[in-house]
Amino acid sequence: MLLKDFYTINTLENTADSKYKAQITINEKHEVFQGHFPGNPIMPGVCMMQIIKELTEQITACSLFMESLSNVKFMALINPFVNPELFLELDVTTTEDNLVKIKNVSYFGETVALKLSCVYRKI
């Protein structure tokens, strides 16, 4: 975990073939939120991208490096005091040349917060 104690994985399960679902809890007391932003904490987008990478590394049991990012849409702000529990749906496929393709939807309640498609290279 790049940011120690930033989040806790409550569940990570394979729901079908290449599809996975994770439930995580964000640590609202983490120092990241003291600077982003004081009095109005918001999850940094790069932290969400890192969480997706770390979950994918756990799923594939490989270290990964982002090769390309073809689609990223931040659709709602995540305030860890209001919505500390997040759900992430991941579609993880590995190509013949050992690239790992991810399609992700992250949400809290009924609100979609992030949609992301990217490719990682195994390292």
N, C-alpha and C. Protein backbone atom coordinates (compact mmCIF):
# COMPACT_ATOMS: atom_id res chain seq x y z
N MET A 1 0.84 -1.17 0.00
CA MET A 1 0.00 0.00 0.00
C MET A 1 0.89 1.24 0.00
N LEU A 2 0.74 2.07 -1.00
CA LEU A 2 1.57 3.26 -1.14
C LEU A 2 1.32 4.24 0.00
N LEU A 3 0.05 4.48 0.31
CA LEU A 3 -0.30 5.37 1.43
C LEU A 3 -0.73 4.52 2.61
N LYS A 4 0.15 4.42 3.59
CA LYS A 4 -0.12 3.57 4.75
C LYS A 4 -1.41 3.99 5.46
N ASP A 5 -2.25 3.01 5.74
CA ASP A 5 -3.50 3.23 6.47
C ASP A 5 -4.49 4.16 5.77
N PHE A 6 -4.38 4.29 4.45
CA PHE A 6 -5.30 5.17 3.73
C PHE A 6 -6.68 4.55 3.57
N TYR A 7 -6.71 3.24 3.38
CA TYR A 7 -7.99 2.54 3.23
C TYR A 7 -7.84 1.11 3.71
N THR A 8 -8.98 0.49 3.96
CA THR A 8 -9.04 -0.91 4.36
C THR A 8 -9.89 -1.66 3.35
N ILE A 9 -9.40 -2.81 2.92
CA ILE A 9 -10.20 -3.66 2.03
C ILE A 9 -11.10 -4.51 2.92
N ASN A 10 -12.39 -4.31 2.82
CA ASN A 10 -13.36 -5.11 3.58
C ASN A 10 -13.65 -6.42 2.87
N THR A 11 -13.87 -6.34 1.55
CA THR A 11 -14.09 -7.53 0.74
C THR A 11 -13.48 -7.32 -0.63
N LEU A 12 -13.01 -8.40 -1.23
CA LEU A 12 -12.55 -8.42 -2.61
C LEU A 12 -12.90 -9.80 -3.13
N GLU A 13 -13.90 -9.85 -4.02
CA GLU A 13 -14.36 -11.15 -4.47
C GLU A 13 -14.49 -11.21 -5.98
N ASN A 14 -14.25 -12.40 -6.49
CA ASN A 14 -14.43 -12.69 -7.90
C ASN A 14 -15.91 -13.02 -8.10
N THR A 15 -16.60 -12.20 -8.88
CA THR A 15 -18.04 -12.39 -9.04
C THR A 15 -18.40 -13.17 -10.30
N ALA A 16 -17.53 -13.16 -11.31
CA ALA A 16 -17.75 -13.92 -12.55
C ALA A 16 -16.52 -13.76 -13.42
N ASP A 17 -16.09 -14.84 -14.04
CA ASP A 17 -14.93 -14.84 -14.95
C ASP A 17 -13.90 -13.78 -14.58
N SER A 18 -13.86 -12.67 -15.31
CA SER A 18 -12.85 -11.64 -15.10
C SER A 18 -13.36 -10.48 -14.25
N LYS A 19 -14.51 -10.64 -13.64
CA LYS A 19 -15.13 -9.54 -12.89
C LYS A 19 -14.92 -9.71 -11.37
N TYR A 20 -14.61 -8.58 -10.75
CA TYR A 20 -14.36 -8.54 -9.31
C TYR A 20 -15.11 -7.37 -8.70
N LYS A 21 -15.44 -7.53 -7.42
CA LYS A 21 -16.09 -6.44 -6.69
C LYS A 21 -15.37 -6.29 -5.35
N ALA A 22 -15.05 -5.04 -5.03
CA ALA A 22 -14.37 -4.74 -3.77
C ALA A 22 -15.19 -3.73 -2.99
N GLN A 23 -15.13 -3.89 -1.68
CA GLN A 23 -15.70 -2.89 -0.78
C GLN A 23 -14.54 -2.42 0.09
N ILE A 24 -14.34 -1.10 0.13
CA ILE A 24 -13.26 -0.55 0.94
C ILE A 24 -13.81 0.54 1.85
N THR A 25 -13.07 0.82 2.91
CA THR A 25 -13.40 1.91 3.80
C THR A 25 -12.22 2.87 3.82
N ILE A 26 -12.49 4.12 3.54
CA ILE A 26 -11.47 5.16 3.53
C ILE A 26 -11.24 5.66 4.96
N ASN A 27 -10.00 5.82 5.34
CA ASN A 27 -9.64 6.36 6.66
C ASN A 27 -9.75 7.88 6.60
N GLU A 28 -10.85 8.42 7.11
CA GLU A 28 -11.08 9.86 7.04
C GLU A 28 -10.08 10.65 7.87
N LYS A 29 -9.35 9.98 8.75
CA LYS A 29 -8.36 10.66 9.59
C LYS A 29 -6.97 10.69 8.94
N HIS A 30 -6.84 10.14 7.75
CA HIS A 30 -5.54 10.11 7.09
C HIS A 30 -5.07 11.53 6.78
N GLU A 31 -3.77 11.74 6.87
CA GLU A 31 -3.18 13.07 6.69
C GLU A 31 -3.41 13.66 5.30
N VAL A 32 -3.68 12.85 4.30
CA VAL A 32 -3.97 13.36 2.95
C VAL A 32 -5.11 14.36 3.01
N PHE A 33 -6.11 14.09 3.82
CA PHE A 33 -7.30 14.93 3.86
C PHE A 33 -7.09 16.23 4.62
N GLN A 34 -5.98 16.35 5.33
CA GLN A 34 -5.66 17.61 6.01
C GLN A 34 -5.26 18.68 4.99
N GLY A 35 -4.71 18.22 3.87
CA GLY A 35 -4.28 19.17 2.85
C GLY A 35 -5.17 19.20 1.62
N HIS A 36 -6.12 18.28 1.54
CA HIS A 36 -6.97 18.17 0.33
C HIS A 36 -8.42 18.02 0.74
N PHE A 37 -9.11 18.86 1.22
CA PHE A 37 -8.80 20.25 1.52
C PHE A 37 -9.19 20.51 2.97
N PRO A 38 -8.46 21.37 3.68
CA PRO A 38 -8.78 21.63 5.10
C PRO A 38 -10.23 22.09 5.27
N GLY A 39 -10.96 21.42 6.14
CA GLY A 39 -12.35 21.77 6.40
C GLY A 39 -13.34 21.23 5.39
N ASN A 40 -12.86 20.73 4.26
CA ASN A 40 -13.72 20.18 3.22
C ASN A 40 -12.96 19.05 2.52
N PRO A 41 -12.77 17.92 3.22
CA PRO A 41 -11.94 16.85 2.65
C PRO A 41 -12.57 16.21 1.41
N ILE A 42 -11.72 16.02 0.41
CA ILE A 42 -12.14 15.40 -0.85
C ILE A 42 -11.07 14.39 -1.25
N MET A 43 -11.50 13.22 -1.66
CA MET A 43 -10.59 12.18 -2.12
C MET A 43 -9.85 12.66 -3.36
N PRO A 44 -8.51 12.69 -3.33
CA PRO A 44 -7.77 13.04 -4.55
C PRO A 44 -7.95 11.96 -5.62
N GLY A 45 -8.13 12.39 -6.85
CA GLY A 45 -8.34 11.45 -7.95
C GLY A 45 -7.18 10.47 -8.11
N VAL A 46 -5.96 10.96 -7.92
CA VAL A 46 -4.80 10.09 -8.05
C VAL A 46 -4.82 8.99 -6.99
N CYS A 47 -5.39 9.26 -5.84
CA CYS A 47 -5.50 8.23 -4.80
C CYS A 47 -6.48 7.15 -5.21
N MET A 48 -7.57 7.53 -5.87
CA MET A 48 -8.52 6.54 -6.37
C MET A 48 -7.85 5.66 -7.43
N MET A 49 -7.05 6.28 -8.29
CA MET A 49 -6.35 5.52 -9.31
C MET A 49 -5.34 4.55 -8.68
N GLN A 50 -4.71 4.98 -7.61
CA GLN A 50 -3.75 4.11 -6.91
C GLN A 50 -4.47 2.94 -6.25
N ILE A 51 -5.63 3.18 -5.67
CA ILE A 51 -6.41 2.10 -5.06
C ILE A 51 -6.76 1.04 -6.11
N ILE A 52 -7.18 1.49 -7.29
CA ILE A 52 -7.52 0.56 -8.37
C ILE A 52 -6.30 -0.26 -8.76
N LYS A 53 -5.15 0.39 -8.86
CA LYS A 53 -3.91 -0.32 -9.20
C LYS A 53 -3.59 -1.36 -8.13
N GLU A 54 -3.69 -0.99 -6.87
CA GLU A 54 -3.35 -1.91 -5.79
C GLU A 54 -4.31 -3.09 -5.72
N LEU A 55 -5.59 -2.86 -5.95
CA LEU A 55 -6.55 -3.96 -5.99
C LEU A 55 -6.24 -4.90 -7.16
N THR A 56 -5.88 -4.31 -8.31
CA THR A 56 -5.54 -5.12 -9.48
C THR A 56 -4.28 -5.93 -9.23
N GLU A 57 -3.31 -5.35 -8.55
CA GLU A 57 -2.10 -6.09 -8.20
C GLU A 57 -2.43 -7.28 -7.29
N GLN A 58 -3.37 -7.07 -6.38
CA GLN A 58 -3.77 -8.17 -5.50
C GLN A 58 -4.49 -9.26 -6.30
N ILE A 59 -5.34 -8.86 -7.23
CA ILE A 59 -6.08 -9.83 -8.05
C ILE A 59 -5.12 -10.63 -8.94
N THR A 60 -4.16 -9.95 -9.55
CA THR A 60 -3.26 -10.62 -10.50
C THR A 60 -2.02 -11.21 -9.83
N ALA A 61 -1.78 -10.85 -8.58
CA ALA A 61 -0.57 -11.28 -7.86
C ALA A 61 0.70 -10.86 -8.60
N CYS A 62 0.66 -9.66 -9.20
CA CYS A 62 1.80 -9.11 -9.94
C CYS A 62 1.96 -7.63 -9.62
N SER A 63 3.20 -7.16 -9.69
CA SER A 63 3.44 -5.72 -9.63
C SER A 63 3.12 -5.15 -11.00
N LEU A 64 2.51 -3.96 -11.02
CA LEU A 64 2.05 -3.38 -12.27
C LEU A 64 2.55 -1.95 -12.44
N PHE A 65 2.67 -1.55 -13.71
CA PHE A 65 3.03 -0.19 -14.07
C PHE A 65 2.02 0.27 -15.11
N MET A 66 1.47 1.48 -14.93
CA MET A 66 0.45 1.95 -15.87
C MET A 66 1.07 2.22 -17.24
N GLU A 67 0.56 1.53 -18.22
CA GLU A 67 1.00 1.65 -19.60
C GLU A 67 0.24 2.76 -20.31
N SER A 68 -1.09 2.76 -20.15
CA SER A 68 -1.90 3.78 -20.80
C SER A 68 -3.22 3.94 -20.04
N LEU A 69 -3.77 5.11 -20.21
CA LEU A 69 -5.06 5.45 -19.60
C LEU A 69 -5.93 5.99 -20.71
N SER A 70 -6.95 5.22 -21.08
CA SER A 70 -7.76 5.62 -22.23
C SER A 70 -9.03 6.36 -21.84
N ASN A 71 -9.45 6.20 -20.61
CA ASN A 71 -10.70 6.83 -20.19
C ASN A 71 -10.69 7.00 -18.68
N VAL A 72 -10.88 8.20 -18.20
CA VAL A 72 -11.04 8.43 -16.77
C VAL A 72 -12.04 9.56 -16.60
N LYS A 73 -13.12 9.27 -15.88
CA LYS A 73 -14.16 10.26 -15.64
C LYS A 73 -14.45 10.31 -14.15
N PHE A 74 -14.08 11.43 -13.54
CA PHE A 74 -14.43 11.66 -12.14
C PHE A 74 -15.81 12.31 -12.15
N MET A 75 -16.79 11.60 -11.60
CA MET A 75 -18.18 12.01 -11.76
C MET A 75 -18.81 12.58 -10.49
N ALA A 76 -18.19 12.32 -9.34
CA ALA A 76 -18.72 12.84 -8.08
C ALA A 76 -17.58 12.97 -7.08
N LEU A 77 -17.66 13.98 -6.23
CA LEU A 77 -16.67 14.16 -5.18
C LEU A 77 -16.89 13.13 -4.08
N ILE A 78 -15.79 12.62 -3.54
CA ILE A 78 -15.87 11.65 -2.44
C ILE A 78 -15.38 12.35 -1.18
N ASN A 79 -16.29 12.59 -0.26
CA ASN A 79 -15.94 13.15 1.05
C ASN A 79 -15.86 11.98 2.02
N PRO A 80 -14.68 11.69 2.57
CA PRO A 80 -14.53 10.50 3.41
C PRO A 80 -15.31 10.56 4.72
N PHE A 81 -15.72 11.75 5.14
CA PHE A 81 -16.54 11.87 6.34
C PHE A 81 -18.00 11.54 6.05
N VAL A 82 -18.43 11.81 4.83
CA VAL A 82 -19.83 11.57 4.43
C VAL A 82 -19.98 10.16 3.85
N ASN A 83 -19.03 9.76 3.01
CA ASN A 83 -19.09 8.46 2.32
C ASN A 83 -17.76 7.72 2.45
N PRO A 84 -17.47 7.18 3.61
CA PRO A 84 -16.20 6.47 3.79
C PRO A 84 -16.18 5.09 3.12
N GLU A 85 -17.35 4.55 2.83
CA GLU A 85 -17.43 3.21 2.25
C GLU A 85 -17.61 3.33 0.73
N LEU A 86 -16.68 2.71 -0.01
CA LEU A 86 -16.73 2.74 -1.46
C LEU A 86 -16.80 1.32 -2.02
N PHE A 87 -17.43 1.19 -3.16
CA PHE A 87 -17.51 -0.07 -3.88
C PHE A 87 -16.83 0.11 -5.22
N LEU A 88 -16.04 -0.87 -5.60
CA LEU A 88 -15.32 -0.82 -6.88
C LEU A 88 -15.62 -2.09 -7.65
N GLU A 89 -16.05 -1.94 -8.87
CA GLU A 89 -16.25 -3.08 -9.77
C GLU A 89 -15.13 -3.04 -10.77
N LEU A 90 -14.44 -4.16 -10.92
CA LEU A 90 -13.29 -4.25 -11.82
C LEU A 90 -13.47 -5.40 -12.79
N ASP A 91 -13.21 -5.11 -14.05
CA ASP A 91 -13.15 -6.14 -15.07
C ASP A 91 -11.67 -6.23 -15.45
N VAL A 92 -11.04 -7.35 -15.12
CA VAL A 92 -9.59 -7.52 -15.25
C VAL A 92 -9.30 -8.61 -16.28
N THR A 93 -8.64 -8.22 -17.36
CA THR A 93 -8.25 -9.22 -18.36
C THR A 93 -6.76 -9.07 -18.67
N THR A 94 -6.11 -10.21 -18.89
CA THR A 94 -4.70 -10.23 -19.24
C THR A 94 -4.57 -10.64 -20.70
N THR A 95 -3.78 -9.88 -21.46
CA THR A 95 -3.60 -10.17 -22.87
C THR A 95 -2.47 -11.18 -23.06
N GLU A 96 -2.32 -11.64 -24.30
CA GLU A 96 -1.26 -12.61 -24.62
C GLU A 96 0.13 -12.04 -24.40
N ASP A 97 0.27 -10.70 -24.50
CA ASP A 97 1.58 -10.08 -24.30
C ASP A 97 1.74 -9.54 -22.87
N ASN A 98 1.00 -10.15 -21.93
CA ASN A 98 1.11 -9.86 -20.49
C ASN A 98 0.74 -8.45 -20.08
N LEU A 99 -0.15 -7.83 -20.82
CA LEU A 99 -0.71 -6.55 -20.38
C LEU A 99 -1.99 -6.86 -19.62
N VAL A 100 -2.30 -6.04 -18.64
CA VAL A 100 -3.51 -6.22 -17.84
C VAL A 100 -4.43 -5.04 -18.13
N LYS A 101 -5.60 -5.35 -18.69
CA LYS A 101 -6.59 -4.32 -19.03
C LYS A 101 -7.64 -4.26 -17.93
N ILE A 102 -7.96 -3.04 -17.53
CA ILE A 102 -8.92 -2.80 -16.45
C ILE A 102 -10.03 -1.90 -16.93
N LYS A 103 -11.24 -2.27 -16.58
CA LYS A 103 -12.39 -1.38 -16.68
C LYS A 103 -12.94 -1.30 -15.27
N ASN A 104 -13.13 -0.08 -14.78
CA ASN A 104 -13.55 0.11 -13.39
C ASN A 104 -14.72 1.08 -13.31
N VAL A 105 -15.61 0.79 -12.35
CA VAL A 105 -16.63 1.73 -11.91
C VAL A 105 -16.54 1.75 -10.39
N SER A 106 -16.37 2.95 -9.83
CA SER A 106 -16.30 3.12 -8.38
C SER A 106 -17.50 3.95 -7.95
N TYR A 107 -18.12 3.55 -6.84
CA TYR A 107 -19.32 4.27 -6.41
C TYR A 107 -19.53 4.17 -4.91
N PHE A 108 -20.38 5.06 -4.41
CA PHE A 108 -20.86 5.01 -3.04
C PHE A 108 -22.37 5.17 -3.11
N GLY A 109 -23.09 4.36 -2.35
CA GLY A 109 -24.55 4.37 -2.46
C GLY A 109 -24.96 4.13 -3.90
N GLU A 110 -25.79 5.01 -4.43
CA GLU A 110 -26.22 4.91 -5.83
C GLU A 110 -25.44 5.85 -6.73
N THR A 111 -24.43 6.51 -6.18
CA THR A 111 -23.70 7.54 -6.92
C THR A 111 -22.40 7.00 -7.51
N VAL A 112 -22.27 7.09 -8.82
CA VAL A 112 -21.02 6.70 -9.48
C VAL A 112 -20.03 7.85 -9.30
N ALA A 113 -18.87 7.53 -8.75
CA ALA A 113 -17.85 8.54 -8.50
C ALA A 113 -16.76 8.55 -9.56
N LEU A 114 -16.47 7.37 -10.13
CA LEU A 114 -15.36 7.27 -11.08
C LEU A 114 -15.61 6.14 -12.07
N LYS A 115 -15.29 6.41 -13.32
CA LYS A 115 -15.22 5.37 -14.35
C LYS A 115 -13.82 5.47 -14.95
N LEU A 116 -13.16 4.33 -15.09
CA LEU A 116 -11.78 4.33 -15.54
C LEU A 116 -11.51 3.10 -16.40
N SER A 117 -10.77 3.30 -17.48
CA SER A 117 -10.26 2.21 -18.31
C SER A 117 -8.77 2.45 -18.50
N CYS A 118 -7.97 1.43 -18.22
CA CYS A 118 -6.52 1.60 -18.38
C CYS A 118 -5.86 0.26 -18.65
N VAL A 119 -4.59 0.35 -18.99
CA VAL A 119 -3.79 -0.84 -19.26
C VAL A 119 -2.52 -0.75 -18.42
N TYR A 120 -2.21 -1.86 -17.73
CA TYR A 120 -0.99 -1.96 -16.95
C TYR A 120 -0.05 -2.97 -17.60
N ARG A 121 1.23 -2.73 -17.40
CA ARG A 121 2.24 -3.68 -17.83
C ARG A 121 2.76 -4.38 -16.59
N LYS A 122 2.88 -5.69 -16.65
CA LYS A 122 3.44 -6.45 -15.53
C LYS A 122 4.93 -6.14 -15.41
N ILE A 123 5.39 -5.94 -14.18
CA ILE A 123 6.83 -5.66 -13.98
C ILE A 123 7.41 -6.66 -12.99
